[in-house]
Amino acid sequence: MNKDEVDIMWQQAMQESIKDGEVYIRYNFAKLLAAKEREKSLKLWMLLDDVDTADDIAKADDAIYRSLCRQAHKKRWDVLTGDEVDNAIRSRKQA
């Protein structure tokens, strides 16, 4: 997630907090952030499920299976950017 996306999410949290008469923005921000991360996790899981489905579709044809897997494989960058992956790997190594 880039800084612009975080700023947009913060603005949304602020608007929700004001609308709901809440004093603290951080709780709405945490809910929005968690929902965004769950959405990414679900999208990645669905891509893994597509690979499993490809296996069912192309049992006897390895070329078709590889083609279907490549299509699913490319879509991972629609969910996470290379920078996000690099940052996550760096953070994990530091922990």
PDB file of N, CA and C in Angstrom:
ATOM      1  N   MET A   1       0.848  -1.158   0.000  1.00  0.00           N
ATOM      2  CA  MET A   1       0.000   0.000   0.000  1.00  0.00           C
ATOM      3  C   MET A   1       0.902   1.231   0.000  1.00  0.00           C
ATOM      4  N   ASN A   2       0.601   2.165  -0.889  1.00  0.00           N
ATOM      5  CA  ASN A   2       1.448   3.348  -0.962  1.00  0.00           C
ATOM      6  C   ASN A   2       0.909   4.472  -0.063  1.00  0.00           C
ATOM      7  N   LYS A   3       1.660   5.557   0.037  1.00  0.00           N
ATOM      8  CA  LYS A   3       1.294   6.658   0.928  1.00  0.00           C
ATOM      9  C   LYS A   3      -0.033   7.296   0.542  1.00  0.00           C
ATOM     10  N   ASP A   4      -0.295   7.406  -0.764  1.00  0.00           N
ATOM     11  CA  ASP A   4      -1.564   7.987  -1.200  1.00  0.00           C
ATOM     12  C   ASP A   4      -2.746   7.148  -0.737  1.00  0.00           C
ATOM     13  N   GLU A   5      -2.604   5.820  -0.842  1.00  0.00           N
ATOM     14  CA  GLU A   5      -3.685   4.932  -0.396  1.00  0.00           C
ATOM     15  C   GLU A   5      -3.904   5.047   1.109  1.00  0.00           C
ATOM     16  N   VAL A   6      -2.829   5.176   1.861  1.00  0.00           N
ATOM     17  CA  VAL A   6      -2.934   5.341   3.313  1.00  0.00           C
ATOM     18  C   VAL A   6      -3.621   6.662   3.634  1.00  0.00           C
ATOM     19  N   ASP A   7      -3.253   7.731   2.933  1.00  0.00           N
ATOM     20  CA  ASP A   7      -3.889   9.039   3.155  1.00  0.00           C
ATOM     21  C   ASP A   7      -5.382   8.995   2.851  1.00  0.00           C
ATOM     22  N   ILE A   8      -5.730   8.322   1.769  1.00  0.00           N
ATOM     23  CA  ILE A   8      -7.148   8.198   1.402  1.00  0.00           C
ATOM     24  C   ILE A   8      -7.899   7.423   2.482  1.00  0.00           C
ATOM     25  N   MET A   9      -7.292   6.350   2.960  1.00  0.00           N
ATOM     26  CA  MET A   9      -7.917   5.545   3.995  1.00  0.00           C
ATOM     27  C   MET A   9      -8.080   6.358   5.287  1.00  0.00           C
ATOM     28  N   TRP A  10      -7.077   7.166   5.603  1.00  0.00           N
ATOM     29  CA  TRP A  10      -7.157   8.018   6.805  1.00  0.00           C
ATOM     30  C   TRP A  10      -8.310   9.010   6.670  1.00  0.00           C
ATOM     31  N   GLN A  11      -8.453   9.602   5.492  1.00  0.00           N
ATOM     32  CA  GLN A  11      -9.558  10.532   5.247  1.00  0.00           C
ATOM     33  C   GLN A  11     -10.909   9.833   5.413  1.00  0.00           C
ATOM     34  N   GLN A  12     -11.019   8.626   4.879  1.00  0.00           N
ATOM     35  CA  GLN A  12     -12.257   7.857   5.028  1.00  0.00           C
ATOM     36  C   GLN A  12     -12.544   7.590   6.503  1.00  0.00           C
ATOM     37  N   ALA A  13     -11.512   7.211   7.239  1.00  0.00           N
ATOM     38  CA  ALA A  13     -11.672   6.933   8.669  1.00  0.00           C
ATOM     39  C   ALA A  13     -12.110   8.186   9.407  1.00  0.00           C
ATOM     40  N   MET A  14     -11.528   9.327   9.041  1.00  0.00           N
ATOM     41  CA  MET A  14     -11.886  10.586   9.682  1.00  0.00           C
ATOM     42  C   MET A  14     -13.355  10.923   9.408  1.00  0.00           C
ATOM     43  N   GLN A  15     -13.776  10.749   8.150  1.00  0.00           N
ATOM     44  CA  GLN A  15     -15.173  11.036   7.794  1.00  0.00           C
ATOM     45  C   GLN A  15     -16.128  10.119   8.549  1.00  0.00           C
ATOM     46  N   GLU A  16     -15.791   8.844   8.664  1.00  0.00           N
ATOM     47  CA  GLU A  16     -16.642   7.906   9.400  1.00  0.00           C
ATOM     48  C   GLU A  16     -16.697   8.258  10.878  1.00  0.00           C
ATOM     49  N   SER A  17     -15.561   8.644  11.433  1.00  0.00           N
ATOM     50  CA  SER A  17     -15.524   9.010  12.850  1.00  0.00           C
ATOM     51  C   SER A  17     -16.367  10.244  13.115  1.00  0.00           C
ATOM     52  N   ILE A  18     -16.274  11.223  12.251  1.00  0.00           N
ATOM     53  CA  ILE A  18     -17.071  12.447  12.405  1.00  0.00           C
ATOM     54  C   ILE A  18     -18.555  12.123  12.283  1.00  0.00           C
ATOM     55  N   LYS A  19     -18.896  11.324  11.269  1.00  0.00           N
ATOM     56  CA  LYS A  19     -20.294  10.946  11.037  1.00  0.00           C
ATOM     57  C   LYS A  19     -20.864  10.203  12.242  1.00  0.00           C
ATOM     58  N   ASP A  20     -20.050   9.320  12.835  1.00  0.00           N
ATOM     59  CA  ASP A  20     -20.504   8.512  13.965  1.00  0.00           C
ATOM     60  C   ASP A  20     -20.327   9.211  15.313  1.00  0.00           C
ATOM     61  N   GLY A  21     -19.758  10.432  15.305  1.00  0.00           N
ATOM     62  CA  GLY A  21     -19.545  11.177  16.546  1.00  0.00           C
ATOM     63  C   GLY A  21     -18.465  10.570  17.427  1.00  0.00           C
ATOM     64  N   GLU A  22     -17.529   9.870  16.818  1.00  0.00           N
ATOM     65  CA  GLU A  22     -16.457   9.242  17.585  1.00  0.00           C
ATOM     66  C   GLU A  22     -15.272  10.192  17.727  1.00  0.00           C
ATOM     67  N   VAL A  23     -14.607  10.110  18.855  1.00  0.00           N
ATOM     68  CA  VAL A  23     -13.476  10.978  19.136  1.00  0.00           C
ATOM     69  C   VAL A  23     -12.206  10.480  18.450  1.00  0.00           C
ATOM     70  N   TYR A  24     -12.015   9.165  18.426  1.00  0.00           N
ATOM     71  CA  TYR A  24     -10.763   8.597  17.938  1.00  0.00           C
ATOM     72  C   TYR A  24     -10.903   8.084  16.502  1.00  0.00           C
ATOM     73  N   ILE A  25     -10.073   8.573  15.628  1.00  0.00           N
ATOM     74  CA  ILE A  25     -10.066   8.167  14.225  1.00  0.00           C
ATOM     75  C   ILE A  25      -9.369   6.823  14.059  1.00  0.00           C
ATOM     76  N   ARG A  26      -8.406   6.554  14.917  1.00  0.00           N
ATOM     77  CA  ARG A  26      -7.551   5.372  14.725  1.00  0.00           C
ATOM     78  C   ARG A  26      -8.322   4.060  14.684  1.00  0.00           C
ATOM     79  N   TYR A  27      -9.450   3.971  15.388  1.00  0.00           N
ATOM     80  CA  TYR A  27     -10.199   2.712  15.383  1.00  0.00           C
ATOM     81  C   TYR A  27     -10.846   2.458  14.018  1.00  0.00           C
ATOM     82  N   ASN A  28     -11.411   3.490  13.435  1.00  0.00           N
ATOM     83  CA  ASN A  28     -11.972   3.345  12.084  1.00  0.00           C
ATOM     84  C   ASN A  28     -10.864   3.095  11.071  1.00  0.00           C
ATOM     85  N   PHE A  29      -9.736   3.748  11.263  1.00  0.00           N
ATOM     86  CA  PHE A  29      -8.602   3.526  10.362  1.00  0.00           C
ATOM     87  C   PHE A  29      -8.133   2.073  10.447  1.00  0.00           C
ATOM     88  N   ALA A  30      -8.041   1.545  11.653  1.00  0.00           N
ATOM     89  CA  ALA A  30      -7.617   0.150  11.823  1.00  0.00           C
ATOM     90  C   ALA A  30      -8.596  -0.804  11.153  1.00  0.00           C
ATOM     91  N   LYS A  31      -9.896  -0.530  11.253  1.00  0.00           N
ATOM     92  CA  LYS A  31     -10.903  -1.380  10.592  1.00  0.00           C
ATOM     93  C   LYS A  31     -10.733  -1.344   9.085  1.00  0.00           C
ATOM     94  N   LEU A  32     -10.530  -0.151   8.520  1.00  0.00           N
ATOM     95  CA  LEU A  32     -10.357  -0.024   7.072  1.00  0.00           C
ATOM     96  C   LEU A  32      -9.082  -0.720   6.604  1.00  0.00           C
ATOM     97  N   LEU A  33      -8.009  -0.552   7.361  1.00  0.00           N
ATOM     98  CA  LEU A  33      -6.739  -1.179   7.010  1.00  0.00           C
ATOM     99  C   LEU A  33      -6.849  -2.705   7.050  1.00  0.00           C
ATOM    100  N   ALA A  34      -7.473  -3.226   8.083  1.00  0.00           N
ATOM    101  CA  ALA A  34      -7.642  -4.681   8.196  1.00  0.00           C
ATOM    102  C   ALA A  34      -8.501  -5.216   7.060  1.00  0.00           C
ATOM    103  N   ALA A  35      -9.541  -4.490   6.695  1.00  0.00           N
ATOM    104  CA  ALA A  35     -10.410  -4.925   5.593  1.00  0.00           C
ATOM    105  C   ALA A  35      -9.637  -4.958   4.279  1.00  0.00           C
ATOM    106  N   LYS A  36      -8.788  -3.973   4.071  1.00  0.00           N
ATOM    107  CA  LYS A  36      -7.974  -3.922   2.844  1.00  0.00           C
ATOM    108  C   LYS A  36      -7.011  -5.105   2.792  1.00  0.00           C
ATOM    109  N   GLU A  37      -6.384  -5.423   3.906  1.00  0.00           N
ATOM    110  CA  GLU A  37      -5.451  -6.551   3.958  1.00  0.00           C
ATOM    111  C   GLU A  37      -6.186  -7.878   3.762  1.00  0.00           C
ATOM    112  N   ARG A  38      -7.385  -8.010   4.348  1.00  0.00           N
ATOM    113  CA  ARG A  38      -8.174  -9.231   4.140  1.00  0.00           C
ATOM    114  C   ARG A  38      -8.559  -9.381   2.670  1.00  0.00           C
ATOM    115  N   GLU A  39      -8.893  -8.272   2.032  1.00  0.00           N
ATOM    116  CA  GLU A  39      -9.244  -8.285   0.612  1.00  0.00           C
ATOM    117  C   GLU A  39      -8.060  -8.783  -0.230  1.00  0.00           C
ATOM    118  N   LYS A  40      -6.864  -8.302   0.070  1.00  0.00           N
ATOM    119  CA  LYS A  40      -5.674  -8.754  -0.659  1.00  0.00           C
ATOM    120  C   LYS A  40      -5.423 -10.233  -0.423  1.00  0.00           C
ATOM    121  N   SER A  41      -5.576 -10.669   0.821  1.00  0.00           N
ATOM    122  CA  SER A  41      -5.373 -12.087   1.137  1.00  0.00           C
ATOM    123  C   SER A  41      -6.360 -12.955   0.369  1.00  0.00           C
ATOM    124  N   LEU A  42      -7.605 -12.536   0.313  1.00  0.00           N
ATOM    125  CA  LEU A  42      -8.614 -13.301  -0.409  1.00  0.00           C
ATOM    126  C   LEU A  42      -8.299 -13.365  -1.900  1.00  0.00           C
ATOM    127  N   LYS A  43      -7.866 -12.244  -2.467  1.00  0.00           N
ATOM    128  CA  LYS A  43      -7.520 -12.233  -3.898  1.00  0.00           C
ATOM    129  C   LYS A  43      -6.356 -13.180  -4.187  1.00  0.00           C
ATOM    130  N   LEU A  44      -5.355 -13.196  -3.316  1.00  0.00           N
ATOM    131  CA  LEU A  44      -4.227 -14.117  -3.506  1.00  0.00           C
ATOM    132  C   LEU A  44      -4.674 -15.564  -3.357  1.00  0.00           C
ATOM    133  N   TRP A  45      -5.546 -15.829  -2.386  1.00  0.00           N
ATOM    134  CA  TRP A  45      -6.060 -17.183  -2.217  1.00  0.00           C
ATOM    135  C   TRP A  45      -6.835 -17.611  -3.460  1.00  0.00           C
ATOM    136  N   MET A  46      -7.615 -16.702  -4.025  1.00  0.00           N
ATOM    137  CA  MET A  46      -8.387 -17.024  -5.235  1.00  0.00           C
ATOM    138  C   MET A  46      -7.458 -17.364  -6.405  1.00  0.00           C
ATOM    139  N   LEU A  47      -6.316 -16.699  -6.491  1.00  0.00           N
ATOM    140  CA  LEU A  47      -5.349 -17.039  -7.534  1.00  0.00           C
ATOM    141  C   LEU A  47      -4.792 -18.446  -7.312  1.00  0.00           C
ATOM    142  N   LEU A  48      -4.534 -18.796  -6.064  1.00  0.00           N
ATOM    143  CA  LEU A  48      -4.091 -20.163  -5.772  1.00  0.00           C
ATOM    144  C   LEU A  48      -5.181 -21.170  -6.131  1.00  0.00           C
ATOM    145  N   ASP A  49      -6.408 -20.808  -5.870  1.00  0.00           N
ATOM    146  CA  ASP A  49      -7.521 -21.684  -6.223  1.00  0.00           C
ATOM    147  C   ASP A  49      -7.631 -21.831  -7.741  1.00  0.00           C
ATOM    148  N   ASP A  50      -7.328 -20.760  -8.476  1.00  0.00           N
ATOM    149  CA  ASP A  50      -7.319 -20.836  -9.945  1.00  0.00           C
ATOM    150  C   ASP A  50      -6.280 -21.841 -10.438  1.00  0.00           C
ATOM    151  N   VAL A  51      -5.133 -21.899  -9.759  1.00  0.00           N
ATOM    152  CA  VAL A  51      -4.105 -22.872 -10.126  1.00  0.00           C
ATOM    153  C   VAL A  51      -4.623 -24.287  -9.866  1.00  0.00           C
ATOM    154  N   ASP A  52      -5.301 -24.484  -8.753  1.00  0.00           N
ATOM    155  CA  ASP A  52      -5.878 -25.786  -8.448  1.00  0.00           C
ATOM    156  C   ASP A  52      -6.932 -26.169  -9.489  1.00  0.00           C
ATOM    157  N   THR A  53      -7.750 -25.216  -9.884  1.00  0.00           N
ATOM    158  CA  THR A  53      -8.760 -25.461 -10.918  1.00  0.00           C
ATOM    159  C   THR A  53      -8.094 -25.795 -12.247  1.00  0.00           C
ATOM    160  N   ALA A  54      -7.004 -25.104 -12.554  1.00  0.00           N
ATOM    161  CA  ALA A  54      -6.269 -25.393 -13.791  1.00  0.00           C
ATOM    162  C   ALA A  54      -5.791 -26.839 -13.801  1.00  0.00           C
ATOM    163  N   ASP A  55      -5.372 -27.318 -12.646  1.00  0.00           N
ATOM    164  CA  ASP A  55      -4.938 -28.719 -12.543  1.00  0.00           C
ATOM    165  C   ASP A  55      -6.096 -29.660 -12.876  1.00  0.00           C
ATOM    166  N   ASP A  56      -7.294 -29.324 -12.389  1.00  0.00           N
ATOM    167  CA  ASP A  56      -8.469 -30.144 -12.689  1.00  0.00           C
ATOM    168  C   ASP A  56      -8.835 -30.092 -14.175  1.00  0.00           C
ATOM    169  N   ILE A  57      -8.720 -28.914 -14.764  1.00  0.00           N
ATOM    170  CA  ILE A  57      -9.091 -28.723 -16.171  1.00  0.00           C
ATOM    171  C   ILE A  57      -8.134 -29.442 -17.105  1.00  0.00           C
ATOM    172  N   ALA A  58      -6.857 -29.365 -16.809  1.00  0.00           N
ATOM    173  CA  ALA A  58      -5.823 -29.800 -17.767  1.00  0.00           C
ATOM    174  C   ALA A  58      -5.095 -31.061 -17.304  1.00  0.00           C
ATOM    175  N   LYS A  59      -5.802 -31.986 -16.729  1.00  0.00           N
ATOM    176  CA  LYS A  59      -5.167 -33.207 -16.201  1.00  0.00           C
ATOM    177  C   LYS A  59      -4.201 -33.865 -17.193  1.00  0.00           C
ATOM    178  N   ALA A  60      -4.623 -33.959 -18.439  1.00  0.00           N
ATOM    179  CA  ALA A  60      -3.832 -34.719 -19.421  1.00  0.00           C
ATOM    180  C   ALA A  60      -2.980 -33.837 -20.330  1.00  0.00           C
ATOM    181  N   ASP A  61      -3.004 -32.523 -20.107  1.00  0.00           N
ATOM    182  CA  ASP A  61      -2.285 -31.640 -21.030  1.00  0.00           C
ATOM    183  C   ASP A  61      -1.434 -30.640 -20.249  1.00  0.00           C
ATOM    184  N   ASP A  62      -0.158 -30.955 -20.132  1.00  0.00           N
ATOM    185  CA  ASP A  62       0.760 -30.130 -19.353  1.00  0.00           C
ATOM    186  C   ASP A  62       0.911 -28.726 -19.936  1.00  0.00           C
ATOM    187  N   ALA A  63       0.862 -28.598 -21.251  1.00  0.00           N
ATOM    188  CA  ALA A  63       1.007 -27.278 -21.886  1.00  0.00           C
ATOM    189  C   ALA A  63      -0.162 -26.366 -21.510  1.00  0.00           C
ATOM    190  N   ILE A  64      -1.358 -26.908 -21.499  1.00  0.00           N
ATOM    191  CA  ILE A  64      -2.530 -26.100 -21.102  1.00  0.00           C
ATOM    192  C   ILE A  64      -2.415 -25.718 -19.626  1.00  0.00           C
ATOM    193  N   TYR A  65      -2.003 -26.666 -18.798  1.00  0.00           N
ATOM    194  CA  TYR A  65      -1.845 -26.387 -17.367  1.00  0.00           C
ATOM    195  C   TYR A  65      -0.850 -25.253 -17.143  1.00  0.00           C
ATOM    196  N   ARG A  66       0.302 -25.337 -17.788  1.00  0.00           N
ATOM    197  CA  ARG A  66       1.316 -24.281 -17.637  1.00  0.00           C
ATOM    198  C   ARG A  66       0.773 -22.941 -18.118  1.00  0.00           C
ATOM    199  N   SER A  67       0.035 -22.946 -19.210  1.00  0.00           N
ATOM    200  CA  SER A  67      -0.536 -21.703 -19.738  1.00  0.00           C
ATOM    201  C   SER A  67      -1.529 -21.090 -18.748  1.00  0.00           C
ATOM    202  N   LEU A  68      -2.412 -21.913 -18.202  1.00  0.00           N
ATOM    203  CA  LEU A  68      -3.390 -21.420 -17.221  1.00  0.00           C
ATOM    204  C   LEU A  68      -2.691 -20.910 -15.962  1.00  0.00           C
ATOM    205  N   CYS A  69      -1.652 -21.613 -15.524  1.00  0.00           N
ATOM    206  CA  CYS A  69      -0.903 -21.170 -14.340  1.00  0.00           C
ATOM    207  C   CYS A  69      -0.193 -19.843 -14.588  1.00  0.00           C
ATOM    208  N   ARG A  70       0.383 -19.687 -15.780  1.00  0.00           N
ATOM    209  CA  ARG A  70       1.049 -18.412 -16.107  1.00  0.00           C
ATOM    210  C   ARG A  70       0.062 -17.262 -16.067  1.00  0.00           C
ATOM    211  N   GLN A  71      -1.158 -17.501 -16.557  1.00  0.00           N
ATOM    212  CA  GLN A  71      -2.176 -16.447 -16.538  1.00  0.00           C
ATOM    213  C   GLN A  71      -2.508 -16.040 -15.100  1.00  0.00           C
ATOM    214  N   ALA A  72      -2.688 -17.032 -14.242  1.00  0.00           N
ATOM    215  CA  ALA A  72      -2.983 -16.743 -12.834  1.00  0.00           C
ATOM    216  C   ALA A  72      -1.778 -16.081 -12.158  1.00  0.00           C
ATOM    217  N   HIS A  73      -0.593 -16.583 -12.475  1.00  0.00           N
ATOM    218  CA  HIS A  73       0.650 -16.093 -11.881  1.00  0.00           C
ATOM    219  C   HIS A  73       0.840 -14.595 -12.144  1.00  0.00           C
ATOM    220  N   LYS A  74       0.535 -14.151 -13.339  1.00  0.00           N
ATOM    221  CA  LYS A  74       0.714 -12.739 -13.696  1.00  0.00           C
ATOM    222  C   LYS A  74      -0.218 -11.822 -12.913  1.00  0.00           C
ATOM    223  N   LYS A  75      -1.370 -12.334 -12.523  1.00  0.00           N
ATOM    224  CA  LYS A  75      -2.365 -11.505 -11.832  1.00  0.00           C
ATOM    225  C   LYS A  75      -1.953 -11.142 -10.404  1.00  0.00           C
ATOM    226  N   ARG A  76      -0.931 -11.810  -9.864  1.00  0.00           N
ATOM    227  CA  ARG A  76      -0.512 -11.498  -8.491  1.00  0.00           C
ATOM    228  C   ARG A  76      -0.062 -10.050  -8.369  1.00  0.00           C
ATOM    229  N   TRP A  77       0.463  -9.487  -9.472  1.00  0.00           N
ATOM    230  CA  TRP A  77       0.934  -8.100  -9.425  1.00  0.00           C
ATOM    231  C   TRP A  77      -0.225  -7.105  -9.406  1.00  0.00           C
ATOM    232  N   ASP A  78      -1.449  -7.583  -9.694  1.00  0.00           N
ATOM    233  CA  ASP A  78      -2.627  -6.734  -9.543  1.00  0.00           C
ATOM    234  C   ASP A  78      -3.013  -6.602  -8.076  1.00  0.00           C
ATOM    235  N   VAL A  79      -2.520  -7.522  -7.253  1.00  0.00           N
ATOM    236  CA  VAL A  79      -2.854  -7.536  -5.832  1.00  0.00           C
ATOM    237  C   VAL A  79      -1.767  -6.841  -5.007  1.00  0.00           C
ATOM    238  N   LEU A  80      -0.512  -7.166  -5.279  1.00  0.00           N
ATOM    239  CA  LEU A  80       0.629  -6.585  -4.570  1.00  0.00           C
ATOM    240  C   LEU A  80       1.660  -6.087  -5.580  1.00  0.00           C
ATOM    241  N   THR A  81       2.256  -4.958  -5.286  1.00  0.00           N
ATOM    242  CA  THR A  81       3.335  -4.459  -6.144  1.00  0.00           C
ATOM    243  C   THR A  81       4.653  -5.109  -5.727  1.00  0.00           C
ATOM    244  N   GLY A  82       5.621  -5.023  -6.590  1.00  0.00           N
ATOM    245  CA  GLY A  82       6.951  -5.531  -6.260  1.00  0.00           C
ATOM    246  C   GLY A  82       7.530  -4.854  -5.028  1.00  0.00           C
ATOM    247  N   ASP A  83       7.289  -3.554  -4.903  1.00  0.00           N
ATOM    248  CA  ASP A  83       7.782  -2.824  -3.725  1.00  0.00           C
ATOM    249  C   ASP A  83       7.129  -3.332  -2.444  1.00  0.00           C
ATOM    250  N   GLU A  84       5.837  -3.627  -2.506  1.00  0.00           N
ATOM    251  CA  GLU A  84       5.149  -4.144  -1.312  1.00  0.00           C
ATOM    252  C   GLU A  84       5.721  -5.496  -0.899  1.00  0.00           C
ATOM    253  N   VAL A  85       6.003  -6.333  -1.880  1.00  0.00           N
ATOM    254  CA  VAL A  85       6.585  -7.642  -1.586  1.00  0.00           C
ATOM    255  C   VAL A  85       7.975  -7.464  -0.985  1.00  0.00           C
ATOM    256  N   ASP A  86       8.800  -6.615  -1.605  1.00  0.00           N
ATOM    257  CA  ASP A  86      10.150  -6.362  -1.086  1.00  0.00           C
ATOM    258  C   ASP A  86      10.108  -5.833   0.341  1.00  0.00           C
ATOM    259  N   ASN A  87       9.209  -4.875   0.612  1.00  0.00           N
ATOM    260  CA  ASN A  87       9.087  -4.305   1.957  1.00  0.00           C
ATOM    261  C   ASN A  87       8.657  -5.353   2.968  1.00  0.00           C
ATOM    262  N   ALA A  88       7.733  -6.231   2.574  1.00  0.00           N
ATOM    263  CA  ALA A  88       7.269  -7.284   3.480  1.00  0.00           C
ATOM    264  C   ALA A  88       8.410  -8.259   3.794  1.00  0.00           C
ATOM    265  N   ILE A  89       9.188  -8.595   2.783  1.00  0.00           N
ATOM    266  CA  ILE A  89      10.328  -9.506   3.000  1.00  0.00           C
ATOM    267  C   ILE A  89      11.352  -8.859   3.932  1.00  0.00           C
ATOM    268  N   ARG A  90      11.659  -7.571   3.694  1.00  0.00           N
ATOM    269  CA  ARG A  90      12.610  -6.859   4.552  1.00  0.00           C
ATOM    270  C   ARG A  90      12.098  -6.799   5.992  1.00  0.00           C
ATOM    271  N   SER A  91      10.813  -6.494   6.166  1.00  0.00           N
ATOM    272  CA  SER A  91      10.241  -6.406   7.508  1.00  0.00           C
ATOM    273  C   SER A  91      10.307  -7.737   8.228  1.00  0.00           C
ATOM    274  N   ARG A  92      10.069  -8.790   7.483  1.00  0.00           N
ATOM    275  CA  ARG A  92      10.091 -10.129   8.082  1.00  0.00           C
ATOM    276  C   ARG A  92      11.504 -10.499   8.536  1.00  0.00           C
ATOM    277  N   LYS A  93      12.493 -10.125   7.743  1.00  0.00           N
ATOM    278  CA  LYS A  93      13.877 -10.422   8.107  1.00  0.00           C
ATOM    279  C   LYS A  93      14.314  -9.652   9.344  1.00  0.00           C
ATOM    280  N   GLN A  94      13.776  -8.454   9.513  1.00  0.00           N
ATOM    281  CA  GLN A  94      14.140  -7.612  10.656  1.00  0.00           C
ATOM    282  C   GLN A  94      13.476  -8.050  11.942  1.00  0.00           C
ATOM    283  N   ALA A  95      12.377  -8.778  11.827  1.00  0.00           N
ATOM    284  CA  ALA A  95      11.605  -9.180  13.030  1.00  0.00           C
ATOM    285  C   ALA A  95      12.288 -10.300  13.787  1.00  0.00           C
TER     286      ALA A  95
END
